Amino acid sequence: MKKDQGFLTIIVLIIIALALLKFVFDFDIIDFFKTPKVAETISYIWNDVIVFLWSNYIKAPFFWAWDLFKTLAKLGWENLIILLDKIKEIVVAIKS
């Protein structure tokens, strides 16, 4: 509960800060992101940095970990079903 209040407080503070920027300094955040220089910078960061990092460094380990997770989850699920069947057999044997 305490963490939820902190998250909501941050959201409210961000909204108040954006409203103050608009009304006190006449600064519109949407217009700021639409300016050519900012759009160019965001495009550079996305295309040249993030895509490069994903393609060359993050993609292979991510998919390796994802495949490992899927394999372990499948193995765990199958063992859970076997365990539940054994428990069911024991309960039936005890009741008889």
PDB file of N, CA and C in Angstrom:
ATOM      1  N   MET A   1       0.826  -1.186   0.000  1.00  0.00           N
ATOM      2  CA  MET A   1       0.000   0.000   0.000  1.00  0.00           C
ATOM      3  C   MET A   1       0.872   1.253   0.000  1.00  0.00           C
ATOM      4  N   LYS A   2       1.925   1.218   0.793  1.00  0.00           N
ATOM      5  CA  LYS A   2       2.810   2.373   0.875  1.00  0.00           C
ATOM      6  C   LYS A   2       3.494   2.644  -0.460  1.00  0.00           C
ATOM      7  N   LYS A   3       3.899   1.594  -1.170  1.00  0.00           N
ATOM      8  CA  LYS A   3       4.555   1.776  -2.457  1.00  0.00           C
ATOM      9  C   LYS A   3       3.583   2.329  -3.491  1.00  0.00           C
ATOM     10  N   ASP A   4       2.324   1.921  -3.427  1.00  0.00           N
ATOM     11  CA  ASP A   4       1.324   2.442  -4.360  1.00  0.00           C
ATOM     12  C   ASP A   4       1.132   3.933  -4.165  1.00  0.00           C
ATOM     13  N   GLN A   5       1.140   4.383  -2.925  1.00  0.00           N
ATOM     14  CA  GLN A   5       0.972   5.799  -2.654  1.00  0.00           C
ATOM     15  C   GLN A   5       2.156   6.595  -3.197  1.00  0.00           C
ATOM     16  N   GLY A   6       3.348   6.037  -3.087  1.00  0.00           N
ATOM     17  CA  GLY A   6       4.524   6.718  -3.622  1.00  0.00           C
ATOM     18  C   GLY A   6       4.455   6.846  -5.130  1.00  0.00           C
ATOM     19  N   PHE A   7       3.985   5.802  -5.802  1.00  0.00           N
ATOM     20  CA  PHE A   7       3.854   5.834  -7.260  1.00  0.00           C
ATOM     21  C   PHE A   7       2.815   6.875  -7.677  1.00  0.00           C
ATOM     22  N   LEU A   8       1.690   6.888  -6.999  1.00  0.00           N
ATOM     23  CA  LEU A   8       0.647   7.868  -7.325  1.00  0.00           C
ATOM     24  C   LEU A   8       1.124   9.290  -7.036  1.00  0.00           C
ATOM     25  N   THR A   9       1.888   9.454  -5.987  1.00  0.00           N
ATOM     26  CA  THR A   9       2.430  10.774  -5.661  1.00  0.00           C
ATOM     27  C   THR A   9       3.346  11.270  -6.770  1.00  0.00           C
ATOM     28  N   ILE A  10       4.182  10.393  -7.290  1.00  0.00           N
ATOM     29  CA  ILE A  10       5.085  10.774  -8.381  1.00  0.00           C
ATOM     30  C   ILE A  10       4.285  11.179  -9.617  1.00  0.00           C
ATOM     31  N   ILE A  11       3.234  10.426  -9.951  1.00  0.00           N
ATOM     32  CA  ILE A  11       2.398  10.760 -11.107  1.00  0.00           C
ATOM     33  C   ILE A  11       1.748  12.124 -10.922  1.00  0.00           C
ATOM     34  N   VAL A  12       1.198  12.377  -9.733  1.00  0.00           N
ATOM     35  CA  VAL A  12       0.558  13.671  -9.455  1.00  0.00           C
ATOM     36  C   VAL A  12       1.574  14.796  -9.536  1.00  0.00           C
ATOM     37  N   LEU A  13       2.775  14.592  -8.998  1.00  0.00           N
ATOM     38  CA  LEU A  13       3.815  15.628  -9.056  1.00  0.00           C
ATOM     39  C   LEU A  13       4.241  15.921 -10.491  1.00  0.00           C
ATOM     40  N   ILE A  14       4.336  14.891 -11.321  1.00  0.00           N
ATOM     41  CA  ILE A  14       4.683  15.102 -12.728  1.00  0.00           C
ATOM     42  C   ILE A  14       3.599  15.921 -13.430  1.00  0.00           C
ATOM     43  N   ILE A  15       2.340  15.609 -13.158  1.00  0.00           N
ATOM     44  CA  ILE A  15       1.238  16.358 -13.777  1.00  0.00           C
ATOM     45  C   ILE A  15       1.256  17.813 -13.318  1.00  0.00           C
ATOM     46  N   ILE A  16       1.495  18.035 -12.022  1.00  0.00           N
ATOM     47  CA  ILE A  16       1.567  19.407 -11.507  1.00  0.00           C
ATOM     48  C   ILE A  16       2.744  20.154 -12.129  1.00  0.00           C
ATOM     49  N   ALA A  17       3.890  19.481 -12.259  1.00  0.00           N
ATOM     50  CA  ALA A  17       5.065  20.121 -12.857  1.00  0.00           C
ATOM     51  C   ALA A  17       4.808  20.494 -14.310  1.00  0.00           C
ATOM     52  N   LEU A  18       4.155  19.617 -15.066  1.00  0.00           N
ATOM     53  CA  LEU A  18       3.836  19.936 -16.464  1.00  0.00           C
ATOM     54  C   LEU A  18       2.849  21.094 -16.557  1.00  0.00           C
ATOM     55  N   ALA A  19       1.872  21.115 -15.652  1.00  0.00           N
ATOM     56  CA  ALA A  19       0.910  22.232 -15.642  1.00  0.00           C
ATOM     57  C   ALA A  19       1.609  23.543 -15.304  1.00  0.00           C
ATOM     58  N   LEU A  20       2.531  23.519 -14.331  1.00  0.00           N
ATOM     59  CA  LEU A  20       3.281  24.731 -13.987  1.00  0.00           C
ATOM     60  C   LEU A  20       4.147  25.203 -15.144  1.00  0.00           C
ATOM     61  N   LEU A  21       4.787  24.279 -15.844  1.00  0.00           N
ATOM     62  CA  LEU A  21       5.586  24.653 -17.011  1.00  0.00           C
ATOM     63  C   LEU A  21       4.720  25.356 -18.054  1.00  0.00           C
ATOM     64  N   LYS A  22       3.523  24.834 -18.253  1.00  0.00           N
ATOM     65  CA  LYS A  22       2.637  25.401 -19.272  1.00  0.00           C
ATOM     66  C   LYS A  22       2.148  26.785 -18.868  1.00  0.00           C
ATOM     67  N   PHE A  23       1.685  26.937 -17.654  1.00  0.00           N
ATOM     68  CA  PHE A  23       1.045  28.192 -17.267  1.00  0.00           C
ATOM     69  C   PHE A  23       2.029  29.256 -16.808  1.00  0.00           C
ATOM     70  N   VAL A  24       3.139  28.885 -16.202  1.00  0.00           N
ATOM     71  CA  VAL A  24       4.097  29.879 -15.724  1.00  0.00           C
ATOM     72  C   VAL A  24       5.065  30.285 -16.825  1.00  0.00           C
ATOM     73  N   PHE A  25       5.614  29.305 -17.528  1.00  0.00           N
ATOM     74  CA  PHE A  25       6.632  29.595 -18.538  1.00  0.00           C
ATOM     75  C   PHE A  25       6.124  29.470 -19.966  1.00  0.00           C
ATOM     76  N   ASP A  26       4.860  29.140 -20.148  1.00  0.00           N
ATOM     77  CA  ASP A  26       4.250  28.931 -21.455  1.00  0.00           C
ATOM     78  C   ASP A  26       5.075  27.927 -22.279  1.00  0.00           C
ATOM     79  N   PHE A  27       5.411  26.830 -21.636  1.00  0.00           N
ATOM     80  CA  PHE A  27       6.219  25.773 -22.248  1.00  0.00           C
ATOM     81  C   PHE A  27       5.327  24.564 -22.477  1.00  0.00           C
ATOM     82  N   ASP A  28       5.186  24.152 -23.739  1.00  0.00           N
ATOM     83  CA  ASP A  28       4.350  23.002 -24.064  1.00  0.00           C
ATOM     84  C   ASP A  28       5.260  21.815 -24.360  1.00  0.00           C
ATOM     85  N   ILE A  29       5.123  20.770 -23.578  1.00  0.00           N
ATOM     86  CA  ILE A  29       6.004  19.599 -23.694  1.00  0.00           C
ATOM     87  C   ILE A  29       5.798  18.879 -25.030  1.00  0.00           C
ATOM     88  N   ILE A  30       4.563  18.867 -25.537  1.00  0.00           N
ATOM     89  CA  ILE A  30       4.288  18.189 -26.816  1.00  0.00           C
ATOM     90  C   ILE A  30       4.959  18.937 -27.962  1.00  0.00           C
ATOM     91  N   ASP A  31       4.861  20.259 -27.953  1.00  0.00           N
ATOM     92  CA  ASP A  31       5.550  21.041 -28.989  1.00  0.00           C
ATOM     93  C   ASP A  31       7.060  20.867 -28.902  1.00  0.00           C
ATOM     94  N   PHE A  32       7.562  20.730 -27.685  1.00  0.00           N
ATOM     95  CA  PHE A  32       8.992  20.523 -27.495  1.00  0.00           C
ATOM     96  C   PHE A  32       9.460  19.239 -28.185  1.00  0.00           C
ATOM     97  N   PHE A  33       8.698  18.148 -28.022  1.00  0.00           N
ATOM     98  CA  PHE A  33       9.083  16.884 -28.642  1.00  0.00           C
ATOM     99  C   PHE A  33       8.862  16.880 -30.154  1.00  0.00           C
ATOM    100  N   LYS A  34       8.060  17.807 -30.648  1.00  0.00           N
ATOM    101  CA  LYS A  34       7.828  17.883 -32.093  1.00  0.00           C
ATOM    102  C   LYS A  34       8.876  18.728 -32.819  1.00  0.00           C
ATOM    103  N   THR A  35       9.708  19.442 -32.095  1.00  0.00           N
ATOM    104  CA  THR A  35      10.722  20.263 -32.754  1.00  0.00           C
ATOM    105  C   THR A  35      11.692  19.362 -33.512  1.00  0.00           C
ATOM    106  N   PRO A  36      12.218  19.838 -34.644  1.00  0.00           N
ATOM    107  CA  PRO A  36      13.078  18.991 -35.483  1.00  0.00           C
ATOM    108  C   PRO A  36      14.325  18.473 -34.754  1.00  0.00           C
ATOM    109  N   LYS A  37      14.951  19.284 -33.936  1.00  0.00           N
ATOM    110  CA  LYS A  37      16.179  18.866 -33.261  1.00  0.00           C
ATOM    111  C   LYS A  37      15.904  17.742 -32.271  1.00  0.00           C
ATOM    112  N   VAL A  38      14.823  17.863 -31.506  1.00  0.00           N
ATOM    113  CA  VAL A  38      14.483  16.819 -30.540  1.00  0.00           C
ATOM    114  C   VAL A  38      14.061  15.545 -31.268  1.00  0.00           C
ATOM    115  N   ALA A  39      13.262  15.682 -32.318  1.00  0.00           N
ATOM    116  CA  ALA A  39      12.840  14.513 -33.099  1.00  0.00           C
ATOM    117  C   ALA A  39      14.048  13.810 -33.706  1.00  0.00           C
ATOM    118  N   GLU A  40      15.017  14.588 -34.183  1.00  0.00           N
ATOM    119  CA  GLU A  40      16.237  14.008 -34.746  1.00  0.00           C
ATOM    120  C   GLU A  40      17.046  13.273 -33.677  1.00  0.00           C
ATOM    121  N   THR A  41      17.113  13.850 -32.483  1.00  0.00           N
ATOM    122  CA  THR A  41      17.847  13.219 -31.389  1.00  0.00           C
ATOM    123  C   THR A  41      17.176  11.917 -30.963  1.00  0.00           C
ATOM    124  N   ILE A  42      15.863  11.931 -30.850  1.00  0.00           N
ATOM    125  CA  ILE A  42      15.132  10.724 -30.476  1.00  0.00           C
ATOM    126  C   ILE A  42      15.304   9.652 -31.550  1.00  0.00           C
ATOM    127  N   SER A  43      15.244  10.054 -32.800  1.00  0.00           N
ATOM    128  CA  SER A  43      15.443   9.116 -33.895  1.00  0.00           C
ATOM    129  C   SER A  43      16.845   8.509 -33.849  1.00  0.00           C
ATOM    130  N   TYR A  44      17.839   9.327 -33.589  1.00  0.00           N
ATOM    131  CA  TYR A  44      19.214   8.836 -33.483  1.00  0.00           C
ATOM    132  C   TYR A  44      19.338   7.832 -32.345  1.00  0.00           C
ATOM    133  N   ILE A  45      18.792   8.197 -31.186  1.00  0.00           N
ATOM    134  CA  ILE A  45      18.879   7.300 -30.025  1.00  0.00           C
ATOM    135  C   ILE A  45      18.200   5.972 -30.333  1.00  0.00           C
ATOM    136  N   TRP A  46      17.030   6.014 -30.961  1.00  0.00           N
ATOM    137  CA  TRP A  46      16.306   4.776 -31.239  1.00  0.00           C
ATOM    138  C   TRP A  46      17.012   3.943 -32.306  1.00  0.00           C
ATOM    139  N   ASN A  47      17.293   4.552 -33.442  1.00  0.00           N
ATOM    140  CA  ASN A  47      17.826   3.798 -34.581  1.00  0.00           C
ATOM    141  C   ASN A  47      19.291   3.416 -34.431  1.00  0.00           C
ATOM    142  N   ASP A  48      20.102   4.313 -33.912  1.00  0.00           N
ATOM    143  CA  ASP A  48      21.533   4.058 -33.894  1.00  0.00           C
ATOM    144  C   ASP A  48      22.039   3.473 -32.580  1.00  0.00           C
ATOM    145  N   VAL A  49      21.352   3.729 -31.488  1.00  0.00           N
ATOM    146  CA  VAL A  49      21.842   3.233 -30.204  1.00  0.00           C
ATOM    147  C   VAL A  49      21.059   1.994 -29.764  1.00  0.00           C
ATOM    148  N   ILE A  50      19.754   2.150 -29.618  1.00  0.00           N
ATOM    149  CA  ILE A  50      18.950   1.048 -29.080  1.00  0.00           C
ATOM    150  C   ILE A  50      18.919  -0.143 -30.042  1.00  0.00           C
ATOM    151  N   VAL A  51      18.672   0.114 -31.308  1.00  0.00           N
ATOM    152  CA  VAL A  51      18.627  -0.992 -32.277  1.00  0.00           C
ATOM    153  C   VAL A  51      19.998  -1.655 -32.388  1.00  0.00           C
ATOM    154  N   PHE A  52      21.071  -0.878 -32.366  1.00  0.00           N
ATOM    155  CA  PHE A  52      22.420  -1.440 -32.412  1.00  0.00           C
ATOM    156  C   PHE A  52      22.693  -2.314 -31.196  1.00  0.00           C
ATOM    157  N   LEU A  53      22.355  -1.815 -30.006  1.00  0.00           N
ATOM    158  CA  LEU A  53      22.583  -2.601 -28.789  1.00  0.00           C
ATOM    159  C   LEU A  53      21.755  -3.878 -28.799  1.00  0.00           C
ATOM    160  N   TRP A  54      20.486  -3.764 -29.230  1.00  0.00           N
ATOM    161  CA  TRP A  54      19.622  -4.946 -29.275  1.00  0.00           C
ATOM    162  C   TRP A  54      20.179  -5.980 -30.254  1.00  0.00           C
ATOM    163  N   SER A  55      20.530  -5.535 -31.447  1.00  0.00           N
ATOM    164  CA  SER A  55      20.980  -6.464 -32.484  1.00  0.00           C
ATOM    165  C   SER A  55      22.309  -7.121 -32.145  1.00  0.00           C
ATOM    166  N   ASN A  56      23.227  -6.386 -31.553  1.00  0.00           N
ATOM    167  CA  ASN A  56      24.585  -6.891 -31.367  1.00  0.00           C
ATOM    168  C   ASN A  56      24.880  -7.454 -29.982  1.00  0.00           C
ATOM    169  N   TYR A  57      24.155  -7.029 -28.955  1.00  0.00           N
ATOM    170  CA  TYR A  57      24.528  -7.437 -27.610  1.00  0.00           C
ATOM    171  C   TYR A  57      23.402  -8.071 -26.805  1.00  0.00           C
ATOM    172  N   ILE A  58      22.182  -7.626 -26.979  1.00  0.00           N
ATOM    173  CA  ILE A  58      21.110  -8.043 -26.092  1.00  0.00           C
ATOM    174  C   ILE A  58      20.275  -9.187 -26.669  1.00  0.00           C
ATOM    175  N   LYS A  59      20.078  -9.216 -27.966  1.00  0.00           N
ATOM    176  CA  LYS A  59      19.149 -10.158 -28.604  1.00  0.00           C
ATOM    177  C   LYS A  59      19.500 -11.623 -28.323  1.00  0.00           C
ATOM    178  N   ALA A  60      20.740 -12.020 -28.558  1.00  0.00           N
ATOM    179  CA  ALA A  60      21.129 -13.425 -28.385  1.00  0.00           C
ATOM    180  C   ALA A  60      20.990 -13.891 -26.937  1.00  0.00           C
ATOM    181  N   PRO A  61      21.515 -13.156 -25.939  1.00  0.00           N
ATOM    182  CA  PRO A  61      21.329 -13.617 -24.558  1.00  0.00           C
ATOM    183  C   PRO A  61      19.870 -13.602 -24.118  1.00  0.00           C
ATOM    184  N   PHE A  62      19.108 -12.627 -24.616  1.00  0.00           N
ATOM    185  CA  PHE A  62      17.694 -12.563 -24.255  1.00  0.00           C
ATOM    186  C   PHE A  62      16.957 -13.794 -24.739  1.00  0.00           C
ATOM    187  N   PHE A  63      17.139 -14.173 -26.003  1.00  0.00           N
ATOM    188  CA  PHE A  63      16.432 -15.337 -26.524  1.00  0.00           C
ATOM    189  C   PHE A  63      16.960 -16.637 -25.924  1.00  0.00           C
ATOM    190  N   TRP A  64      18.250 -16.691 -25.567  1.00  0.00           N
ATOM    191  CA  TRP A  64      18.772 -17.856 -24.870  1.00  0.00           C
ATOM    192  C   TRP A  64      18.077 -18.007 -23.513  1.00  0.00           C
ATOM    193  N   ALA A  65      17.975 -16.895 -22.766  1.00  0.00           N
ATOM    194  CA  ALA A  65      17.320 -16.937 -21.455  1.00  0.00           C
ATOM    195  C   ALA A  65      15.835 -17.252 -21.603  1.00  0.00           C
ATOM    196  N   TRP A  66      15.196 -16.719 -22.637  1.00  0.00           N
ATOM    197  CA  TRP A  66      13.776 -16.981 -22.860  1.00  0.00           C
ATOM    198  C   TRP A  66      13.540 -18.468 -23.162  1.00  0.00           C
ATOM    199  N   ASP A  67      14.369 -19.052 -24.019  1.00  0.00           N
ATOM    200  CA  ASP A  67      14.240 -20.484 -24.321  1.00  0.00           C
ATOM    201  C   ASP A  67      14.493 -21.337 -23.076  1.00  0.00           C
ATOM    202  N   LEU A  68      15.484 -20.949 -22.276  1.00  0.00           N
ATOM    203  CA  LEU A  68      15.762 -21.664 -21.037  1.00  0.00           C
ATOM    204  C   LEU A  68      14.570 -21.581 -20.089  1.00  0.00           C
ATOM    205  N   PHE A  69      13.991 -20.403 -19.974  1.00  0.00           N
ATOM    206  CA  PHE A  69      12.812 -20.225 -19.127  1.00  0.00           C
ATOM    207  C   PHE A  69      11.656 -21.095 -19.600  1.00  0.00           C
ATOM    208  N   LYS A  70      11.410 -21.102 -20.924  1.00  0.00           N
ATOM    209  CA  LYS A  70      10.317 -21.926 -21.448  1.00  0.00           C
ATOM    210  C   LYS A  70      10.568 -23.403 -21.174  1.00  0.00           C
ATOM    211  N   THR A  71      11.809 -23.856 -21.339  1.00  0.00           N
ATOM    212  CA  THR A  71      12.147 -25.261 -21.086  1.00  0.00           C
ATOM    213  C   THR A  71      11.940 -25.606 -19.616  1.00  0.00           C
ATOM    214  N   LEU A  72      12.428 -24.753 -18.722  1.00  0.00           N
ATOM    215  CA  LEU A  72      12.267 -25.010 -17.289  1.00  0.00           C
ATOM    216  C   LEU A  72      10.807 -24.947 -16.870  1.00  0.00           C
ATOM    217  N   ALA A  73      10.047 -24.022 -17.451  1.00  0.00           N
ATOM    218  CA  ALA A  73       8.626 -23.920 -17.118  1.00  0.00           C
ATOM    219  C   ALA A  73       7.878 -25.163 -17.569  1.00  0.00           C
ATOM    220  N   LYS A  74       8.203 -25.665 -18.759  1.00  0.00           N
ATOM    221  CA  LYS A  74       7.549 -26.877 -19.259  1.00  0.00           C
ATOM    222  C   LYS A  74       7.909 -28.061 -18.376  1.00  0.00           C
ATOM    223  N   LEU A  75       9.185 -28.177 -18.029  1.00  0.00           N
ATOM    224  CA  LEU A  75       9.636 -29.268 -17.164  1.00  0.00           C
ATOM    225  C   LEU A  75       8.968 -29.172 -15.796  1.00  0.00           C
ATOM    226  N   GLY A  76       8.902 -27.963 -15.264  1.00  0.00           N
ATOM    227  CA  GLY A  76       8.262 -27.763 -13.968  1.00  0.00           C
ATOM    228  C   GLY A  76       6.778 -28.075 -14.009  1.00  0.00           C
ATOM    229  N   TRP A  77       6.100 -27.704 -15.076  1.00  0.00           N
ATOM    230  CA  TRP A  77       4.667 -27.954 -15.203  1.00  0.00           C
ATOM    231  C   TRP A  77       4.394 -29.455 -15.278  1.00  0.00           C
ATOM    232  N   GLU A  78       5.185 -30.155 -16.092  1.00  0.00           N
ATOM    233  CA  GLU A  78       5.000 -31.601 -16.212  1.00  0.00           C
ATOM    234  C   GLU A  78       5.233 -32.299 -14.866  1.00  0.00           C
ATOM    235  N   ASN A  79       6.253 -31.889 -14.137  1.00  0.00           N
ATOM    236  CA  ASN A  79       6.520 -32.478 -12.828  1.00  0.00           C
ATOM    237  C   ASN A  79       5.427 -32.126 -11.823  1.00  0.00           C
ATOM    238  N   LEU A  80       4.874 -30.928 -11.926  1.00  0.00           N
ATOM    239  CA  LEU A  80       3.774 -30.544 -11.046  1.00  0.00           C
ATOM    240  C   LEU A  80       2.550 -31.435 -11.286  1.00  0.00           C
ATOM    241  N   ILE A  81       2.241 -31.717 -12.542  1.00  0.00           N
ATOM    242  CA  ILE A  81       1.106 -32.586 -12.873  1.00  0.00           C
ATOM    243  C   ILE A  81       1.345 -33.989 -12.307  1.00  0.00           C
ATOM    244  N   ILE A  82       2.558 -34.511 -12.456  1.00  0.00           N
ATOM    245  CA  ILE A  82       2.896 -35.835 -11.913  1.00  0.00           C
ATOM    246  C   ILE A  82       2.755 -35.840 -10.393  1.00  0.00           C
ATOM    247  N   LEU A  83       3.263 -34.791  -9.748  1.00  0.00           N
ATOM    248  CA  LEU A  83       3.168 -34.690  -8.293  1.00  0.00           C
ATOM    249  C   LEU A  83       1.714 -34.650  -7.832  1.00  0.00           C
ATOM    250  N   LEU A  84       0.880 -33.867  -8.521  1.00  0.00           N
ATOM    251  CA  LEU A  84      -0.537 -33.787  -8.145  1.00  0.00           C
ATOM    252  C   LEU A  84      -1.241 -35.123  -8.343  1.00  0.00           C
ATOM    253  N   ASP A  85      -0.886 -35.852  -9.402  1.00  0.00           N
ATOM    254  CA  ASP A  85      -1.460 -37.183  -9.607  1.00  0.00           C
ATOM    255  C   ASP A  85      -1.063 -38.133  -8.472  1.00  0.00           C
ATOM    256  N   LYS A  86       0.192 -38.079  -8.040  1.00  0.00           N
ATOM    257  CA  LYS A  86       0.650 -38.927  -6.940  1.00  0.00           C
ATOM    258  C   LYS A  86      -0.090 -38.573  -5.650  1.00  0.00           C
ATOM    259  N   ILE A  87      -0.257 -37.265  -5.388  1.00  0.00           N
ATOM    260  CA  ILE A  87      -0.982 -36.837  -4.193  1.00  0.00           C
ATOM    261  C   ILE A  87      -2.427 -37.321  -4.252  1.00  0.00           C
ATOM    262  N   LYS A  88      -3.034 -37.247  -5.422  1.00  0.00           N
ATOM    263  CA  LYS A  88      -4.413 -37.721  -5.591  1.00  0.00           C
ATOM    264  C   LYS A  88      -4.500 -39.220  -5.302  1.00  0.00           C
ATOM    265  N   GLU A  89      -3.525 -39.989  -5.793  1.00  0.00           N
ATOM    266  CA  GLU A  89      -3.509 -41.433  -5.531  1.00  0.00           C
ATOM    267  C   GLU A  89      -3.364 -41.727  -4.036  1.00  0.00           C
ATOM    268  N   ILE A  90      -2.538 -40.981  -3.357  1.00  0.00           N
ATOM    269  CA  ILE A  90      -2.340 -41.181  -1.920  1.00  0.00           C
ATOM    270  C   ILE A  90      -3.623 -40.847  -1.157  1.00  0.00           C
ATOM    271  N   VAL A  91      -4.271 -39.741  -1.515  1.00  0.00           N
ATOM    272  CA  VAL A  91      -5.510 -39.345  -0.853  1.00  0.00           C
ATOM    273  C   VAL A  91      -6.597 -40.391  -1.079  1.00  0.00           C
ATOM    274  N   VAL A  92      -6.701 -40.907  -2.296  1.00  0.00           N
ATOM    275  CA  VAL A  92      -7.699 -41.951  -2.594  1.00  0.00           C
ATOM    276  C   VAL A  92      -7.381 -43.206  -1.804  1.00  0.00           C
ATOM    277  N   ALA A  93      -6.094 -43.568  -1.699  1.00  0.00           N
ATOM    278  CA  ALA A  93      -5.700 -44.768  -0.952  1.00  0.00           C
ATOM    279  C   ALA A  93      -5.995 -44.610   0.538  1.00  0.00           C
ATOM    280  N   ILE A  94      -5.799 -43.430   1.071  1.00  0.00           N
ATOM    281  CA  ILE A  94      -6.060 -43.174   2.488  1.00  0.00           C
ATOM    282  C   ILE A  94      -7.557 -43.236   2.778  1.00  0.00           C
ATOM    283  N   LYS A  95      -8.376 -42.705   1.884  1.00  0.00           N
ATOM    284  CA  LYS A  95      -9.815 -42.672   2.084  1.00  0.00           C
ATOM    285  C   LYS A  95     -10.437 -44.076   1.956  1.00  0.00           C
ATOM    286  N   SER A  96      -9.792 -44.964   1.229  1.00  0.00           N
ATOM    287  CA  SER A  96     -10.384 -46.303   1.018  1.00  0.00           C
ATOM    288  C   SER A  96     -10.189 -47.212   2.185  1.00  0.00           C
TER     289      SER A  96
END
